[in-house]
C-alpha atoms as a PDB file:
ATOM      1  CA  MET A   1       1.814   6.070  10.115  1.00  0.00           C
ATOM      2  CA  ALA A   2       2.226   3.604   7.188  1.00  0.00           C
ATOM      3  CA  ARG A   3       2.252   5.019   3.651  1.00  0.00           C
ATOM      4  CA  SER A   4       1.873   2.756   0.630  1.00  0.00           C
ATOM      5  CA  THR A   5       1.085   2.810  -3.098  1.00  0.00           C
ATOM      6  CA  CYS A   6       0.484  -0.009  -5.468  1.00  0.00           C
ATOM      7  CA  TRP A   7       0.326  -0.107  -9.282  1.00  0.00           C
ATOM      8  CA  ALA A   8      -1.751  -2.928 -10.369  1.00  0.00           C
ATOM      9  CA  PRO A   9      -0.944  -4.911 -13.616  1.00  0.00           C
ATOM     10  CA  GLY A  10      -3.604  -5.174 -16.177  1.00  0.00           C
ATOM     11  CA  LEU A  11      -4.604  -8.142 -18.381  1.00  0.00           C
ATOM     12  CA  GLY A  12      -5.510  -6.099 -21.541  1.00  0.00           C
ATOM     13  CA  ALA A  13      -2.107  -5.269 -22.853  1.00  0.00           C
ATOM     14  CA  LEU A  14      -0.645  -7.713 -25.311  1.00  0.00           C
ATOM     15  CA  LEU A  15       2.755  -9.246 -24.875  1.00  0.00           C
ATOM     16  CA  VAL A  16       4.091  -7.740 -28.203  1.00  0.00           C
ATOM     17  CA  SER A  17       7.596  -7.332 -26.835  1.00  0.00           C
ATOM     18  CA  ALA A  18       7.155  -6.400 -23.254  1.00  0.00           C
ATOM     19  CA  LEU A  19       4.404  -6.129 -20.719  1.00  0.00           C
ATOM     20  CA  MET A  20       5.411  -4.524 -17.482  1.00  0.00           C
ATOM     21  CA  ALA A  21       3.963  -4.157 -14.020  1.00  0.00           C
ATOM     22  CA  GLY A  22       5.479  -2.250 -11.168  1.00  0.00           C
ATOM     23  CA  CYS A  23       4.876  -1.381  -7.626  1.00  0.00           C
ATOM     24  CA  GLY A  24       6.689   0.575  -4.852  1.00  0.00           C
ATOM     25  CA  GLY A  25       6.061   2.013  -1.436  1.00  0.00           C
ATOM     26  CA  GLY A  26       7.577   3.047   1.812  1.00  0.00           C
ATOM     27  CA  GLY A  27       7.145   4.718   5.086  1.00  0.00           C
ATOM     28  CA  ASP A  28       7.178   4.421   8.793  1.00  0.00           C
ATOM     29  CA  SER A  29       6.215   1.239  10.541  1.00  0.00           C
ATOM     30  CA  GLY A  30       5.622  -0.465   7.076  1.00  0.00           C
ATOM     31  CA  SER A  31       4.821  -0.226   3.407  1.00  0.00           C
ATOM     32  CA  ASN A  32       3.274  -2.213   0.833  1.00  0.00           C
ATOM     33  CA  SER A  33       4.164  -2.832  -2.724  1.00  0.00           C
ATOM     34  CA  GLY A  34       3.843  -5.596  -5.235  1.00  0.00           C
ATOM     35  CA  GLY A  35       3.951  -6.174  -8.917  1.00  0.00           C
ATOM     36  CA  SER A  36       4.339  -9.214 -11.102  1.00  0.00           C
ATOM     37  CA  VAL A  37       4.385 -10.920 -14.534  1.00  0.00           C
ATOM     38  CA  SER A  38       3.852 -14.421 -15.682  1.00  0.00           C
ATOM     39  CA  GLY A  39       3.797 -16.512 -18.665  1.00  0.00           C
ATOM     40  CA  ASN A  40       2.692 -19.956 -19.935  1.00  0.00           C
ATOM     41  CA  GLY A  41       3.439 -23.141 -17.850  1.00  0.00           C
ATOM     42  CA  GLY A  42       6.667 -24.909 -17.631  1.00  0.00           C
ATOM     43  CA  ALA A  43       9.610 -25.312 -15.416  1.00  0.00           C
ATOM     44  CA  SER A  44      11.567 -22.365 -14.072  1.00  0.00           C
ATOM     45  CA  ALA A  45      14.872 -21.395 -15.739  1.00  0.00           C
ATOM     46  CA  ALA A  46      17.746 -19.115 -15.133  1.00  0.00           C
ATOM     47  CA  GLY A  47      17.370 -17.416 -18.505  1.00  0.00           C
ATOM     48  CA  ALA A  48      20.757 -18.165 -20.153  1.00  0.00           C
ATOM     49  CA  THR A  49      20.987 -16.923 -23.671  1.00  0.00           C
ATOM     50  CA  ALA A  50      22.754 -18.457 -26.702  1.00  0.00           C
ATOM     51  CA  THR A  51      22.630 -15.407 -28.920  1.00  0.00           C
ATOM     52  CA  VAL A  52      22.893 -11.760 -28.172  1.00  0.00           C
ATOM     53  CA  PRO A  53      20.025  -9.580 -29.415  1.00  0.00           C
ATOM     54  CA  THR A  54      20.896  -6.619 -31.585  1.00  0.00           C
ATOM     55  CA  THR A  55      19.499  -4.140 -29.022  1.00  0.00           C
ATOM     56  CA  GLN A  56      21.775  -5.650 -26.289  1.00  0.00           C
ATOM     57  CA  VAL A  57      24.762  -5.369 -28.449  1.00  0.00           C
ATOM     58  CA  ALA A  58      24.246  -1.563 -28.578  1.00  0.00           C
ATOM     59  CA  LEU A  59      23.635  -1.441 -24.772  1.00  0.00           C
ATOM     60  CA  ALA A  60      26.835  -3.399 -24.045  1.00  0.00           C
ATOM     61  CA  GLN A  61      28.744  -0.802 -25.919  1.00  0.00           C
ATOM     62  CA  GLU A  62      27.701   1.961 -23.615  1.00  0.00           C
ATOM     63  CA  PRO A  63      30.673   3.530 -21.731  1.00  0.00           C
ATOM     64  CA  ASN A  64      31.547   1.436 -18.761  1.00  0.00           C
ATOM     65  CA  ALA A  65      28.603  -0.918 -19.317  1.00  0.00           C
ATOM     66  CA  PRO A  66      28.645  -4.154 -17.296  1.00  0.00           C
ATOM     67  CA  ARG A  67      29.899  -7.350 -18.542  1.00  0.00           C
ATOM     68  CA  PHE A  68      27.244  -9.440 -20.293  1.00  0.00           C
ATOM     69  CA  THR A  69      26.917 -12.888 -18.534  1.00  0.00           C
ATOM     70  CA  GLY A  70      24.065 -14.467 -20.412  1.00  0.00           C
ATOM     71  CA  ASN A  71      21.995 -14.897 -17.209  1.00  0.00           C
ATOM     72  CA  THR A  72      18.849 -12.911 -17.429  1.00  0.00           C
ATOM     73  CA  ALA A  73      18.550 -11.940 -13.678  1.00  0.00           C
ATOM     74  CA  THR A  74      22.228 -11.116 -13.229  1.00  0.00           C
ATOM     75  CA  ASP A  75      22.332  -8.979 -16.346  1.00  0.00           C
ATOM     76  CA  GLY A  76      19.141  -7.263 -15.431  1.00  0.00           C
ATOM     77  CA  LEU A  77      20.225  -6.395 -11.940  1.00  0.00           C
ATOM     78  CA  ASN A  78      23.660  -5.261 -13.136  1.00  0.00           C
ATOM     79  CA  TRP A  79      21.974  -3.034 -15.741  1.00  0.00           C
ATOM     80  CA  PHE A  80      19.819  -1.428 -13.047  1.00  0.00           C
ATOM     81  CA  ASN A  81      22.862  -0.657 -10.953  1.00  0.00           C
ATOM     82  CA  TYR A  82      24.632   0.591 -13.969  1.00  0.00           C
ATOM     83  CA  ARG A  83      21.931   3.194 -14.573  1.00  0.00           C
ATOM     84  CA  ARG A  84      21.597   4.009 -10.883  1.00  0.00           C
ATOM     85  CA  GLN A  85      25.312   4.808 -10.588  1.00  0.00           C
ATOM     86  CA  GLN A  86      25.151   6.744 -13.940  1.00  0.00           C
ATOM     87  CA  ILE A  87      22.843   9.202 -12.303  1.00  0.00           C
ATOM     88  CA  GLY A  88      24.625   9.448  -8.921  1.00  0.00           C
ATOM     89  CA  LEU A  89      22.627   6.894  -6.896  1.00  0.00           C
ATOM     90  CA  THR A  90      24.255   4.116  -4.777  1.00  0.00           C
ATOM     91  CA  ALA A  91      24.247   0.581  -6.321  1.00  0.00           C
ATOM     92  CA  VAL A  92      21.902  -1.818  -4.630  1.00  0.00           C
ATOM     93  CA  GLU A  93      23.408  -4.949  -3.161  1.00  0.00           C
ATOM     94  CA  ARG A  94      22.269  -8.283  -4.338  1.00  0.00           C
ATOM     95  CA  ASN A  95      20.470 -10.350  -1.550  1.00  0.00           C
ATOM     96  CA  GLY A  96      20.053 -14.159  -1.951  1.00  0.00           C
ATOM     97  CA  LEU A  97      16.812 -14.178  -0.095  1.00  0.00           C
ATOM     98  CA  LEU A  98      15.298 -11.514  -2.411  1.00  0.00           C
ATOM     99  CA  ASP A  99      16.627 -13.667  -5.300  1.00  0.00           C
ATOM    100  CA  THR A 100      14.514 -16.463  -3.956  1.00  0.00           C
ATOM    101  CA  ALA A 101      11.353 -14.377  -3.563  1.00  0.00           C
ATOM    102  CA  ALA A 102      11.708 -12.910  -7.053  1.00  0.00           C
ATOM    103  CA  LEU A 103      12.300 -16.311  -8.745  1.00  0.00           C
ATOM    104  CA  ALA A 104       9.481 -17.986  -6.817  1.00  0.00           C
ATOM    105  CA  HIS A 105       7.010 -15.416  -8.020  1.00  0.00           C
ATOM    106  CA  SER A 106       8.065 -15.624 -11.650  1.00  0.00           C
ATOM    107  CA  ASN A 107       7.632 -19.334 -11.506  1.00  0.00           C
ATOM    108  CA  TYR A 108       4.315 -18.925  -9.988  1.00  0.00           C
ATOM    109  CA  GLN A 109       3.005 -16.746 -12.654  1.00  0.00           C
ATOM    110  CA  LYS A 110       4.539 -18.853 -15.437  1.00  0.00           C
ATOM    111  CA  LEU A 111       2.942 -22.015 -13.991  1.00  0.00           C
ATOM    112  CA  ASN A 112      -0.372 -20.396 -13.608  1.00  0.00           C
ATOM    113  CA  ASN A 113      -0.400 -18.375 -16.821  1.00  0.00           C
ATOM    114  CA  VAL A 114      -1.563 -15.205 -14.986  1.00  0.00           C
ATOM    115  CA  ILE A 115      -0.364 -11.596 -14.543  1.00  0.00           C
ATOM    116  CA  THR A 116      -0.995 -10.487 -10.976  1.00  0.00           C
ATOM    117  CA  HIS A 117       0.527  -8.779  -7.973  1.00  0.00           C
ATOM    118  CA  ASP A 118      -0.976 -11.567  -5.741  1.00  0.00           C
ATOM    119  CA  GLU A 119      -0.744 -15.301  -5.513  1.00  0.00           C
ATOM    120  CA  ILE A 120      -3.743 -17.568  -4.707  1.00  0.00           C
ATOM    121  CA  GLN A 121      -3.246 -20.297  -2.072  1.00  0.00           C
ATOM    122  CA  GLY A 122      -3.595 -23.785  -3.609  1.00  0.00           C
ATOM    123  CA  ASN A 123      -2.360 -22.701  -7.082  1.00  0.00           C
ATOM    124  CA  PRO A 124       0.943 -24.347  -8.458  1.00  0.00           C
ATOM    125  CA  GLY A 125       3.988 -22.580  -7.106  1.00  0.00           C
ATOM    126  CA  PHE A 126       2.231 -20.578  -4.368  1.00  0.00           C
ATOM    127  CA  THR A 127       4.475 -19.084  -1.829  1.00  0.00           C
ATOM    128  CA  GLY A 128       2.363 -16.128  -0.428  1.00  0.00           C
ATOM    129  CA  VAL A 129      -0.522 -14.124  -1.158  1.00  0.00           C
ATOM    130  CA  ASN A 130       1.278 -10.698  -1.188  1.00  0.00           C
ATOM    131  CA  LEU A 131       4.759  -9.462  -1.677  1.00  0.00           C
ATOM    132  CA  TYR A 132       4.815  -8.196   1.883  1.00  0.00           C
ATOM    133  CA  ASP A 133       1.919  -7.565   4.317  1.00  0.00           C
ATOM    134  CA  LEU A 134       2.048  -6.932   8.022  1.00  0.00           C
ATOM    135  CA  ASP A 135      -1.261  -8.733   8.508  1.00  0.00           C
ATOM    136  CA  ALA A 136      -0.464 -11.683   6.332  1.00  0.00           C
ATOM    137  CA  ALA A 137       0.665 -15.015   7.791  1.00  0.00           C
ATOM    138  CA  THR A 138       2.193 -16.061   4.537  1.00  0.00           C
ATOM    139  CA  ASP A 139       3.673 -13.389   2.216  1.00  0.00           C
ATOM    140  CA  ARG A 140       6.398 -13.889  -0.366  1.00  0.00           C
ATOM    141  CA  PHE A 141       9.135 -12.124   1.307  1.00  0.00           C
ATOM    142  CA  ARG A 142       8.849 -14.190   4.509  1.00  0.00           C
ATOM    143  CA  ALA A 143       8.381 -17.453   2.490  1.00  0.00           C
ATOM    144  CA  ALA A 144      11.832 -16.692   1.127  1.00  0.00           C
ATOM    145  CA  GLY A 145      13.305 -16.005   4.558  1.00  0.00           C
ATOM    146  CA  TYR A 146      13.606 -12.202   4.260  1.00  0.00           C
ATOM    147  CA  ARG A 147      12.496 -10.246   7.249  1.00  0.00           C
ATOM    148  CA  PHE A 148      12.303  -6.566   8.053  1.00  0.00           C
ATOM    149  CA  THR A 149      13.880  -5.861  11.368  1.00  0.00           C
ATOM    150  CA  GLN A 150      13.707  -1.995  11.568  1.00  0.00           C
ATOM    151  CA  PRO A 151      10.709   0.181  12.227  1.00  0.00           C
ATOM    152  CA  ARG A 152      11.186   2.171   8.891  1.00  0.00           C
ATOM    153  CA  TYR A 153      11.677   0.275   5.712  1.00  0.00           C
ATOM    154  CA  ALA A 154      10.721   0.310   1.993  1.00  0.00           C
ATOM    155  CA  PHE A 155      10.232  -2.226  -0.777  1.00  0.00           C
ATOM    156  CA  GLY A 156       9.138  -2.544  -4.191  1.00  0.00           C
ATOM    157  CA  GLU A 157       8.914  -4.816  -7.285  1.00  0.00           C
ATOM    158  CA  VAL A 158       8.957  -4.540 -11.044  1.00  0.00           C
ATOM    159  CA  ILE A 159       8.615  -7.221 -13.734  1.00  0.00           C
ATOM    160  CA  SER A 160       8.921  -7.494 -17.443  1.00  0.00           C
ATOM    161  CA  ALA A 161       7.957 -10.202 -20.009  1.00  0.00           C
ATOM    162  CA  THR A 162       9.959 -10.146 -23.125  1.00  0.00           C
ATOM    163  CA  GLY A 163      10.465 -12.187 -26.268  1.00  0.00           C
ATOM    164  CA  ASP A 164      14.136 -12.669 -25.712  1.00  0.00           C
ATOM    165  CA  THR A 165      16.215 -13.732 -22.659  1.00  0.00           C
ATOM    166  CA  SER A 166      18.309 -10.505 -22.561  1.00  0.00           C
ATOM    167  CA  GLY A 167      18.537  -9.096 -18.960  1.00  0.00           C
ATOM    168  CA  PHE A 168      20.028  -5.824 -20.393  1.00  0.00           C
ATOM    169  CA  ASN A 169      16.957  -5.383 -22.647  1.00  0.00           C
ATOM    170  CA  ALA A 170      14.542  -6.218 -19.999  1.00  0.00           C
ATOM    171  CA  ALA A 171      16.044  -3.770 -17.516  1.00  0.00           C
ATOM    172  CA  GLU A 172      16.257  -1.048 -19.963  1.00  0.00           C
ATOM    173  CA  ASP A 173      12.621  -1.518 -20.913  1.00  0.00           C
ATOM    174  CA  LEU A 174      11.652  -1.253 -17.323  1.00  0.00           C
ATOM    175  CA  ILE A 175      13.669   1.942 -16.906  1.00  0.00           C
ATOM    176  CA  THR A 176      11.842   3.458 -19.911  1.00  0.00           C
ATOM    177  CA  ALA A 177       8.528   2.615 -18.424  1.00  0.00           C
ATOM    178  CA  ILE A 178       8.018   5.536 -16.179  1.00  0.00           C
ATOM    179  CA  TYR A 179       5.947   4.126 -13.247  1.00  0.00           C
ATOM    180  CA  HIS A 180       8.631   1.374 -13.115  1.00  0.00           C
ATOM    181  CA  ARG A 181      11.405   3.871 -13.242  1.00  0.00           C
ATOM    182  CA  PHE A 182       9.967   5.442 -10.057  1.00  0.00           C
ATOM    183  CA  VAL A 183      10.546   2.260  -8.272  1.00  0.00           C
ATOM    184  CA  ILE A 184      14.058   1.308  -9.812  1.00  0.00           C
ATOM    185  CA  PHE A 185      15.639   4.752  -9.080  1.00  0.00           C
ATOM    186  CA  GLU A 186      14.383   5.008  -5.495  1.00  0.00           C
ATOM    187  CA  PRO A 187      17.447   6.629  -3.647  1.00  0.00           C
ATOM    188  CA  MET A 188      16.818   4.691  -0.424  1.00  0.00           C
ATOM    189  CA  PHE A 189      16.787   1.183  -1.649  1.00  0.00           C
ATOM    190  CA  LYS A 190      19.703  -0.864  -0.436  1.00  0.00           C
ATOM    191  CA  GLU A 191      19.209  -4.394  -1.604  1.00  0.00           C
ATOM    192  CA  VAL A 192      17.912  -6.159  -4.618  1.00  0.00           C
ATOM    193  CA  GLY A 193      17.042  -9.694  -5.843  1.00  0.00           C
ATOM    194  CA  GLY A 194      16.076 -10.965  -9.253  1.00  0.00           C
ATOM    195  CA  GLY A 195      14.761 -14.123 -10.746  1.00  0.00           C
ATOM    196  CA  SER A 196      13.658 -15.109 -14.321  1.00  0.00           C
ATOM    197  CA  ALA A 197      11.644 -17.899 -15.823  1.00  0.00           C
ATOM    198  CA  THR A 198      11.606 -18.808 -19.511  1.00  0.00           C
ATOM    199  CA  VAL A 199       8.888 -20.653 -21.484  1.00  0.00           C
ATOM    200  CA  SER A 200      10.543 -22.820 -24.260  1.00  0.00           C
ATOM    201  CA  GLY A 201       9.966 -20.882 -27.359  1.00  0.00           C
ATOM    202  CA  GLY A 202       8.016 -18.182 -25.491  1.00  0.00           C
ATOM    203  CA  TYR A 203       8.508 -15.329 -23.017  1.00  0.00           C
ATOM    204  CA  THR A 204      11.097 -14.749 -20.436  1.00  0.00           C
ATOM    205  CA  TYR A 205       9.595 -13.259 -17.045  1.00  0.00           C
ATOM    206  CA  PHE A 206      12.019 -11.243 -15.090  1.00  0.00           C
ATOM    207  CA  THR A 207      10.977 -10.227 -11.522  1.00  0.00           C
ATOM    208  CA  THR A 208      13.098  -7.770  -9.451  1.00  0.00           C
ATOM    209  CA  ASN A 209      12.457  -7.137  -5.751  1.00  0.00           C
ATOM    210  CA  PHE A 210      14.007  -4.068  -4.014  1.00  0.00           C
ATOM    211  CA  ALA A 211      14.168  -3.429  -0.279  1.00  0.00           C
ATOM    212  CA  ALA A 212      15.636  -1.211   2.489  1.00  0.00           C
ATOM    213  CA  ASP A 213      15.568  -2.692   5.952  1.00  0.00           C
ATOM    214  CA  GLY A 214      15.941   0.696   7.688  1.00  0.00           C
ATOM    215  CA  LEU A 215      15.834   3.998   5.756  1.00  0.00           C
ATOM    216  CA  GLY A 216      19.148   5.728   5.556  1.00  0.00           C
ATOM    217  CA  PRO A 217      20.047   9.291   4.671  1.00  0.00           C
ATOM    218  CA  GLY A 218      19.295   8.886   1.013  1.00  0.00           C
ATOM    219  CA  LEU A 219      19.729  12.072  -0.987  1.00  0.00           C
ATOM    220  CA  GLY A 220      18.864  14.171   1.966  1.00  0.00           C
ATOM    221  CA  ARG A 221      16.368  16.996   2.303  1.00  0.00           C
ATOM    222  CA  GLY A 222      16.113  18.938  -1.000  1.00  0.00           C
ATOM    223  CA  GLY A 223      18.242  16.365  -2.769  1.00  0.00           C
ATOM    224  CA  VAL A 224      17.083  14.993  -6.250  1.00  0.00           C
ATOM    225  CA  ILE A 225      18.439  13.034  -9.210  1.00  0.00           C
ATOM    226  CA  THR A 226      17.299  13.304 -12.847  1.00  0.00           C
ATOM    227  CA  TYR A 227      16.966  10.866 -15.766  1.00  0.00           C
ATOM    228  CA  PRO A 228      18.164  10.811 -18.383  1.00  0.00           C
ATOM    229  CA  ALA A 229      21.355  11.730 -16.813  1.00  0.00           C
ATOM    230  CA  ALA A 230      23.150  15.117 -17.577  1.00  0.00           C
ATOM    231  CA  ASN A 231      24.992  14.788 -20.932  1.00  0.00           C
ATOM    232  CA  GLN A 232      23.726  11.191 -21.477  1.00  0.00           C
ATOM    233  CA  GLN A 233      24.039   9.997 -24.989  1.00  0.00           C
ATOM    234  CA  ASN A 234      22.008   7.638 -27.001  1.00  0.00           C
ATOM    235  CA  VAL A 235      18.820   8.318 -25.218  1.00  0.00           C
ATOM    236  CA  PRO A 236      15.838   6.522 -26.919  1.00  0.00           C
ATOM    237  CA  VAL A 237      13.474   8.803 -28.910  1.00  0.00           C
ATOM    238  CA  ASN A 238      10.118   7.012 -28.080  1.00  0.00           C
ATOM    239  CA  PHE A 239       8.225   4.976 -25.500  1.00  0.00           C
ATOM    240  CA  TYR A 240       5.209   2.696 -26.220  1.00  0.00           C
ATOM    241  CA  SER A 241       2.968   3.486 -23.299  1.00  0.00           C
ATOM    242  CA  ASP A 242       0.456   0.668 -24.080  1.00  0.00           C
ATOM    243  CA  ARG A 243       3.087  -1.733 -22.916  1.00  0.00           C
ATOM    244  CA  GLU A 244       3.073  -0.436 -19.448  1.00  0.00           C
ATOM    245  CA  SER A 245       0.361  -1.206 -16.836  1.00  0.00           C
ATOM    246  CA  PRO A 246      -1.201   1.026 -15.806  1.00  0.00           C
ATOM    247  CA  ASP A 247      -0.886   2.947 -19.056  1.00  0.00           C
ATOM    248  CA  PRO A 248       0.621   6.451 -18.318  1.00  0.00           C
ATOM    249  CA  VAL A 249      -0.786   7.877 -21.723  1.00  0.00           C
ATOM    250  CA  PRO A 250      -3.987   5.990 -22.216  1.00  0.00           C
ATOM    251  CA  ASN A 251      -5.053   7.781 -25.308  1.00  0.00           C
ATOM    252  CA  LYS A 252      -1.933   7.263 -27.286  1.00  0.00           C
ATOM    253  CA  ASN A 253       0.658   4.455 -27.749  1.00  0.00           C
ATOM    254  CA  GLU A 254       3.954   5.840 -29.306  1.00  0.00           C
ATOM    255  CA  VAL A 255       5.096   8.891 -27.399  1.00  0.00           C
ATOM    256  CA  GLY A 256       8.451  10.546 -26.555  1.00  0.00           C
ATOM    257  CA  PHE A 257      10.883   9.148 -24.024  1.00  0.00           C
ATOM    258  CA  PRO A 258       9.964  10.161 -20.425  1.00  0.00           C
ATOM    259  CA  ILE A 259      12.077  12.616 -18.428  1.00  0.00           C
ATOM    260  CA  SER A 260      11.954  12.266 -14.575  1.00  0.00           C
ATOM    261  CA  ILE A 261      13.149  13.725 -11.345  1.00  0.00           C
ATOM    262  CA  HIS A 262      13.466  11.647  -8.084  1.00  0.00           C
ATOM    263  CA  ALA A 263      13.811  12.440  -4.448  1.00  0.00           C
ATOM    264  CA  ASP A 264      13.900  10.206  -1.356  1.00  0.00           C
ATOM    265  CA  ILE A 265      10.842   8.029  -0.718  1.00  0.00           C
ATOM    266  CA  THR A 266      10.168  10.051   2.417  1.00  0.00           C
ATOM    267  CA  SER A 267      10.208  13.355   0.483  1.00  0.00           C
ATOM    268  CA  GLU A 268       7.552  15.423  -1.235  1.00  0.00           C
ATOM    269  CA  ILE A 269       8.164  17.051  -4.582  1.00  0.00           C
ATOM    270  CA  ASN A 270       6.085  19.997  -5.567  1.00  0.00           C
ATOM    271  CA  LEU A 271       6.315  20.829  -9.174  1.00  0.00           C
ATOM    272  CA  GLN A 272       6.270  24.479 -10.459  1.00  0.00           C
ATOM    273  CA  SER A 273       7.658  24.036 -13.981  1.00  0.00           C
ATOM    274  CA  PHE A 274       9.121  21.050 -15.824  1.00  0.00           C
ATOM    275  CA  THR A 275       9.973  21.775 -19.560  1.00  0.00           C
ATOM    276  CA  LEU A 276      11.895  20.136 -22.438  1.00  0.00           C
ATOM    277  CA  GLN A 277      13.034  21.636 -25.683  1.00  0.00           C
ATOM    278  CA  ALA A 278      15.321  20.768 -28.606  1.00  0.00           C
ATOM    279  CA  ARG A 279      18.423  22.939 -28.407  1.00  0.00           C
ATOM    280  CA  GLY A 280      17.545  26.204 -30.058  1.00  0.00           C
ATOM    281  CA  GLY A 281      13.950  25.097 -30.665  1.00  0.00           C
ATOM    282  CA  ALA A 282      10.399  25.614 -29.312  1.00  0.00           C
ATOM    283  CA  PRO A 283       9.284  23.908 -26.008  1.00  0.00           C
ATOM    284  CA  VAL A 284       8.161  20.351 -26.491  1.00  0.00           C
ATOM    285  CA  ASN A 285       4.518  19.522 -25.880  1.00  0.00           C
ATOM    286  CA  VAL A 286       4.490  17.236 -22.744  1.00  0.00           C
ATOM    287  CA  ILE A 287       2.147  15.352 -20.393  1.00  0.00           C
ATOM    288  CA  THR A 288       3.095  15.917 -16.733  1.00  0.00           C
ATOM    289  CA  LEU A 289       3.013  13.219 -14.163  1.00  0.00           C
ATOM    290  CA  ALA A 290       2.813  14.559 -10.518  1.00  0.00           C
ATOM    291  CA  SER A 291       1.211  13.018  -7.473  1.00  0.00           C
ATOM    292  CA  ARG A 292      -1.289  15.734  -7.157  1.00  0.00           C
ATOM    293  CA  SER A 293      -2.899  14.914 -10.488  1.00  0.00           C
ATOM    294  CA  ASP A 294      -1.843  11.321 -11.068  1.00  0.00           C
ATOM    295  CA  VAL A 295      -2.635   8.610  -8.407  1.00  0.00           C
ATOM    296  CA  HIS A 296       0.223   6.387  -9.756  1.00  0.00           C
ATOM    297  CA  THR A 297       2.990   8.828  -9.263  1.00  0.00           C
ATOM    298  CA  PRO A 298       4.527   8.834  -5.908  1.00  0.00           C
ATOM    299  CA  THR A 299       4.920  12.085  -3.987  1.00  0.00           C
ATOM    300  CA  SER A 300       8.657  11.762  -4.172  1.00  0.00           C
ATOM    301  CA  ALA A 301       9.044  11.830  -7.979  1.00  0.00           C
ATOM    302  CA  ALA A 302       7.586  13.660 -11.072  1.00  0.00           C
ATOM    303  CA  ALA A 303       7.920  13.254 -14.798  1.00  0.00           C
ATOM    304  CA  ILE A 304       7.115  14.672 -18.114  1.00  0.00           C
ATOM    305  CA  ILE A 305       6.266  12.507 -21.313  1.00  0.00           C
ATOM    306  CA  PRO A 306       6.628  14.120 -24.720  1.00  0.00           C
ATOM    307  CA  VAL A 307       3.432  13.844 -26.637  1.00  0.00           C
ATOM    308  CA  ASP A 308       5.369  13.103 -29.819  1.00  0.00           C
ATOM    309  CA  VAL A 309       8.417  10.967 -30.614  1.00  0.00           C
ATOM    310  CA  LEU A 310      11.691  12.982 -30.050  1.00  0.00           C
ATOM    311  CA  ALA A 311      13.958  13.800 -32.984  1.00  0.00           C
ATOM    312  CA  SER A 312      16.955  11.502 -33.384  1.00  0.00           C
ATOM    313  CA  GLY A 313      20.557  12.816 -32.989  1.00  0.00           C
ATOM    314  CA  THR A 314      19.262  15.846 -31.187  1.00  0.00           C
ATOM    315  CA  THR A 315      20.351  17.609 -28.061  1.00  0.00           C
ATOM    316  CA  TYR A 316      17.557  18.327 -25.726  1.00  0.00           C
ATOM    317  CA  ASP A 317      17.516  20.816 -22.747  1.00  0.00           C
ATOM    318  CA  ALA A 318      15.428  19.899 -19.685  1.00  0.00           C
ATOM    319  CA  GLN A 319      14.518  22.275 -16.821  1.00  0.00           C
ATOM    320  CA  PHE A 320      12.767  21.607 -13.572  1.00  0.00           C
ATOM    321  CA  THR A 321      11.797  24.094 -10.968  1.00  0.00           C
ATOM    322  CA  GLY A 322       9.958  23.333  -7.745  1.00  0.00           C
ATOM    323  CA  THR A 323      10.388  22.495  -4.149  1.00  0.00           C
ATOM    324  CA  VAL A 324      11.418  19.246  -2.216  1.00  0.00           C
ATOM    325  CA  ASP A 325      10.170  19.176   1.385  1.00  0.00           C
ATOM    326  CA  GLY A 326       9.882  23.010   1.113  1.00  0.00           C
ATOM    327  CA  VAL A 327      13.377  23.448  -0.185  1.00  0.00           C
ATOM    328  CA  PRO A 328      13.548  25.446  -3.483  1.00  0.00           C
ATOM    329  CA  VAL A 329      15.003  23.224  -6.230  1.00  0.00           C
ATOM    330  CA  SER A 330      16.153  24.110  -9.695  1.00  0.00           C
ATOM    331  CA  ARG A 331      17.788  21.805 -12.222  1.00  0.00           C
ATOM    332  CA  SER A 332      18.866  22.342 -15.847  1.00  0.00           C
ATOM    333  CA  TRP A 333      20.446  19.557 -17.859  1.00  0.00           C
ATOM    334  CA  SER A 334      20.886  18.419 -21.425  1.00  0.00           C
ATOM    335  CA  PHE A 335      21.036  14.884 -23.044  1.00  0.00           C
ATOM    336  CA  LYS A 336      21.318  13.611 -26.682  1.00  0.00           C
ATOM    337  CA  THR A 337      18.906  11.136 -28.428  1.00  0.00           C
ATOM    338  CA  LYS A 338      20.170   8.252 -30.583  1.00  0.00           C
END
């Protein structure tokens, strides 16, 4: 039986520095997911940058950070893999066909000045109505030549629109945005493709497509990973939820940095307790995202979002207790903010 979930982007958010839309799914026999961003017309571009943004300088100085290349898509994908490996996940392998699909969709949105999961036949740059659809004669994966050959597979897409061409910055913004993080840190994804399109003097649109043609062992029954990673340093103190679509905190914009736990896409997390507190301090007031209470959170993940901005230069202790596919799971870990 197919299982899918989709997070549709919205048009209401302003592109102040980043507008993000994400989607992920998976299951037996098939799964749907799609997400996209777009900008103002113009030709596609690889996204080379002449100057290094200040934020990117700090990211590039992280321990064992990838080498900065100046290509938006390459730097963004490398940053995703850097963070995945930091928390114990396998790096996803770049696939040229997925690159083609991602770049084509960035171009479509840029040419049509729209933000959408789907494309409309007849519009400039059209390659397929959906990212992938069992019933669609023309979908974006197939248009790029990518095919699923196994009965069990998974795929997802995340996209950002930013005012600079930094792939590091775009990827880090997407990881901060919690619904996008659920896609990026899916343990069973095996392949990835990325493409960016830059408007002269405007926004850079960075699309990433993830896929797994055949679901492997992943983390296994009861296995989880957490983010931020244990003992991670320089964790951001805040998150602007209005920049993500859908908005995980509709009644407030600036909140604390989200804390999350992730299992395999085929798994189900049942949360009993998920807390955060400054070392030696009182518990932090948080908003909990879990599938039973939030339609945008997959069954295989959960998160907490601090209601208020975290304190800088502070060690925080996180604790999760619950079950994963009926297996009792308890995790306690710490991280330090910038």
